[in-house]
Amino acid sequence: KPYGIPVEKSFLEHREKSVVLEELGLAPDKFTVLLMGGSFGAGNIKDTLKELLEIDRDFQIIVITGRNETLKEKLEKSLEKYTIDKNISILGFTQDMNDILSAVDIIVSKPGGLTTTECLLKELPMIIPYYIPGQEEENMDFLSNCGAALRTSKKFTISVLLKVLIDNPTRMELLKNNIKSIKKQNTAEDIANLVSNILGY
């Protein structure tokens, strides 16, 4: 049964976007990119952030390094060397993923199972620049073939893909509509009902 990963209903509730972004020191009305690589900060986040900083568009960035405190320190130190024209908020492990996913416009991340599930529920388009071979590669193939995410390549870099989405809001809407067509809304309830039916309750 392709029910998907169960997520609490409370995950669908979130605080106002403007409140969340202002708490992070960011503008409430600016295009916002979330960069992350899972709870342990996997993926080449440092190089990806550098690439994002070089894109000549007006947007702001949230970076989540998860439990990888060393990565967080390295990123903060590396930013001191640059003249930056973008607002950046770097967070370690956070309990506010629900609010943050609802406050950003796009996520740049590896396609882990839980990350993918949560992004689909939030109708949040993904750009996928890296993945762990195996399940995550299959997730990437599924999402890109469904038109719910964009995968990078030598020709279609993060810079190219992000510029297209910022310059063409209709492309963003297309991604979101494709996500709506595949997301699983009541997974936990459906699984519970399946178990109940099997047990004859």
Protein backbone atom coordinates (compact mmCIF):
# COMPACT_ATOMS: atom_id res chain seq x y z
CA LYS A 1 0.00 0.00 0.00
CA PRO A 2 1.67 3.26 -1.12
CA TYR A 3 0.49 5.30 1.87
CA GLY A 4 3.72 7.16 2.53
CA ILE A 5 5.40 8.03 5.83
CA PRO A 6 2.94 8.92 8.64
CA VAL A 7 3.14 12.49 9.93
CA GLU A 8 1.20 14.01 12.84
CA LYS A 9 -1.77 16.17 11.89
CA SER A 10 -0.27 18.95 14.00
CA PHE A 11 2.45 19.21 11.36
CA LEU A 12 -0.07 20.85 9.04
CA GLU A 13 -0.50 23.74 11.50
CA HIS A 14 2.06 26.52 11.57
CA ARG A 15 2.64 30.11 12.64
CA GLU A 16 2.45 33.08 10.29
CA LYS A 17 5.24 33.27 7.72
CA SER A 18 6.04 36.90 8.58
CA VAL A 19 6.43 36.08 12.29
CA VAL A 20 8.75 33.13 11.65
CA LEU A 21 11.00 35.04 9.23
CA GLU A 22 11.21 38.13 11.44
CA GLU A 23 12.27 35.95 14.39
CA LEU A 24 15.16 34.74 12.21
CA GLY A 25 16.13 38.32 11.33
CA LEU A 26 14.84 38.01 7.78
CA ALA A 27 12.45 40.07 5.64
CA PRO A 28 8.86 38.76 5.73
CA ASP A 29 8.16 39.45 2.06
CA LYS A 30 11.38 38.36 0.31
CA PHE A 31 11.93 35.14 -1.67
CA THR A 32 13.45 32.70 0.82
CA VAL A 33 15.62 29.64 0.13
CA LEU A 34 16.10 26.92 2.75
CA LEU A 35 19.37 24.98 2.51
CA MET A 36 19.76 21.78 4.51
CA GLY A 37 21.06 18.23 4.32
CA GLY A 38 19.25 16.24 6.98
CA SER A 39 19.55 16.22 10.78
CA PHE A 40 23.30 15.60 10.61
CA GLY A 41 23.98 18.24 7.95
CA ALA A 42 24.91 15.71 5.26
CA GLY A 43 25.59 16.84 1.71
CA ASN A 44 28.05 19.45 0.50
CA ILE A 45 26.32 22.37 2.20
CA LYS A 46 29.40 24.62 2.31
CA ASP A 47 29.93 24.62 -1.47
CA THR A 48 26.20 24.85 -2.10
CA LEU A 49 25.91 27.94 0.11
CA LYS A 50 28.83 29.53 -1.75
CA GLU A 51 27.04 28.87 -5.04
CA LEU A 52 23.82 30.42 -3.71
CA LEU A 53 25.68 33.54 -2.55
CA GLU A 54 27.02 34.10 -6.08
CA ILE A 55 23.57 34.14 -7.72
CA ASP A 56 22.67 37.65 -8.87
CA ARG A 57 19.08 37.68 -7.63
CA ASP A 58 17.46 39.27 -4.58
CA PHE A 59 16.64 36.52 -2.08
CA GLN A 60 17.49 35.45 1.48
CA ILE A 61 18.77 32.15 2.84
CA ILE A 62 18.12 29.95 5.85
CA VAL A 63 20.74 27.25 6.45
CA ILE A 64 20.02 24.38 8.82
CA THR A 65 23.01 22.27 9.83
CA GLY A 66 21.13 19.97 12.19
CA ARG A 67 23.22 18.34 14.90
CA ASN A 68 26.44 19.05 13.03
CA GLU A 69 27.79 21.87 15.23
CA THR A 70 31.20 21.74 13.51
CA LEU A 71 29.58 22.49 10.16
CA LYS A 72 27.63 25.40 11.68
CA GLU A 73 30.87 26.94 13.02
CA LYS A 74 32.67 26.44 9.69
CA LEU A 75 29.86 28.14 7.77
CA GLU A 76 29.75 31.09 10.17
CA LYS A 77 33.53 31.55 9.89
CA SER A 78 33.52 31.23 6.09
CA LEU A 79 30.86 33.95 5.80
CA GLU A 80 33.19 36.41 7.52
CA LYS A 81 35.47 36.25 4.45
CA TYR A 82 32.77 37.32 2.00
CA THR A 83 31.11 40.60 1.15
CA ILE A 84 27.52 39.39 1.22
CA ASP A 85 24.51 41.12 -0.29
CA LYS A 86 22.02 38.55 1.01
CA ASN A 87 20.51 38.05 4.46
CA ILE A 88 21.48 34.67 5.91
CA SER A 89 20.26 32.85 9.00
CA ILE A 90 22.28 29.78 10.08
CA LEU A 91 20.59 27.41 12.50
CA GLY A 92 21.71 24.19 14.14
CA PHE A 93 19.21 21.60 15.31
CA THR A 94 15.75 23.16 15.53
CA GLN A 95 12.30 22.12 16.73
CA ASP A 96 10.68 24.68 14.41
CA MET A 97 10.93 22.80 11.10
CA ASN A 98 7.15 22.85 10.77
CA ASP A 99 7.08 26.66 10.85
CA ILE A 100 10.22 27.07 8.72
CA LEU A 101 9.02 24.77 5.92
CA SER A 102 5.82 26.83 5.74
CA ALA A 103 7.74 30.13 5.64
CA VAL A 104 10.18 29.45 2.77
CA ASP A 105 9.63 29.42 -1.00
CA ILE A 106 11.96 26.59 -1.98
CA ILE A 107 14.24 24.04 -0.33
CA VAL A 108 17.67 22.91 -1.52
CA SER A 109 18.29 19.54 0.11
CA LYS A 110 18.98 15.86 -0.25
CA PRO A 111 15.75 13.84 -0.70
CA GLY A 112 15.63 11.86 2.56
CA GLY A 113 12.40 10.04 3.34
CA LEU A 114 11.13 12.34 6.09
CA THR A 115 12.35 15.54 4.39
CA THR A 116 10.60 14.52 1.17
CA THR A 117 7.38 13.63 3.00
CA GLU A 118 7.30 16.92 4.90
CA CYS A 119 8.04 18.99 1.76
CA LEU A 120 5.24 17.28 -0.14
CA LEU A 121 2.80 17.94 2.71
CA LYS A 122 3.84 21.61 2.75
CA GLU A 123 3.69 21.77 -1.08
CA LEU A 124 7.27 23.04 -1.00
CA PRO A 125 9.25 22.60 -4.26
CA MET A 126 12.71 21.04 -3.97
CA ILE A 127 16.01 21.51 -5.77
CA ILE A 128 18.12 18.38 -5.29
CA PRO A 129 21.90 18.86 -5.74
CA TYR A 130 23.04 15.78 -3.80
CA TYR A 131 21.71 12.47 -2.49
CA ILE A 132 22.82 9.29 -0.74
CA PRO A 133 22.79 6.35 -3.22
CA GLY A 134 19.94 3.93 -2.66
CA GLN A 135 16.59 5.07 -1.36
CA GLU A 136 17.35 8.79 -1.76
CA GLU A 137 18.28 8.28 -5.40
CA GLU A 138 14.94 6.54 -5.95
CA ASN A 139 13.16 9.40 -4.17
CA MET A 140 14.91 11.88 -6.47
CA ASP A 141 13.89 9.94 -9.58
CA PHE A 142 10.29 9.75 -8.38
CA LEU A 143 10.04 13.45 -7.51
CA SER A 144 11.69 14.68 -10.71
CA ASN A 145 9.64 12.34 -12.91
CA CYS A 146 6.46 13.63 -11.24
CA GLY A 147 7.53 17.24 -11.80
CA ALA A 148 7.59 17.86 -8.04
CA ALA A 149 11.31 18.63 -7.75
CA LEU A 150 14.24 19.79 -9.87
CA ARG A 151 17.54 17.90 -9.94
CA THR A 152 20.79 19.65 -10.76
CA SER A 153 23.22 18.63 -13.49
CA LYS A 154 26.33 20.11 -15.12
CA LYS A 155 24.13 22.21 -17.41
CA PHE A 156 21.25 22.85 -15.00
CA THR A 157 23.12 24.09 -11.94
CA ILE A 158 21.52 25.43 -8.76
CA SER A 159 22.14 28.92 -10.11
CA VAL A 160 20.32 28.21 -13.39
CA LEU A 161 17.38 26.47 -11.73
CA LEU A 162 16.88 29.07 -9.00
CA LYS A 163 17.03 31.97 -11.47
CA VAL A 164 14.35 30.29 -13.59
CA LEU A 165 12.05 29.86 -10.58
CA ILE A 166 12.58 33.38 -9.23
CA ASP A 167 12.09 34.97 -12.67
CA ASN A 168 9.10 32.81 -13.59
CA PRO A 169 6.55 32.45 -10.75
CA THR A 170 4.38 30.32 -13.05
CA ARG A 171 7.10 27.63 -12.96
CA MET A 172 6.86 27.62 -9.17
CA GLU A 173 3.08 27.22 -9.37
CA LEU A 174 3.51 24.33 -11.81
CA LEU A 175 5.79 22.53 -9.33
CA LYS A 176 3.31 23.12 -6.50
CA ASN A 177 0.39 21.81 -8.57
CA ASN A 178 2.37 18.68 -9.38
CA ILE A 179 3.11 18.21 -5.68
CA LYS A 180 -0.61 18.51 -4.87
CA SER A 181 -1.33 15.65 -7.25
CA ILE A 182 1.00 13.18 -5.48
CA LYS A 183 1.07 14.16 -1.80
CA LYS A 184 -0.50 11.82 0.76
CA GLN A 185 -2.68 13.83 3.12
CA ASN A 186 -4.01 11.25 5.63
CA THR A 187 -1.21 8.71 5.81
CA ALA A 188 -1.28 7.99 9.56
CA GLU A 189 -5.08 7.59 9.52
CA ASP A 190 -4.99 5.38 6.41
CA ILE A 191 -2.34 3.09 7.97
CA ALA A 192 -4.30 2.86 11.23
CA ASN A 193 -7.48 1.97 9.31
CA LEU A 194 -5.59 -0.68 7.32
CA VAL A 195 -4.32 -2.30 10.52
CA SER A 196 -7.80 -2.11 12.04
CA ASN A 197 -9.35 -3.78 8.98
CA ILE A 198 -6.73 -6.55 8.94
CA LEU A 199 -7.34 -7.27 12.64
CA GLY A 200 -11.08 -7.24 12.04
CA TYR A 201 -11.96 -4.33 14.34
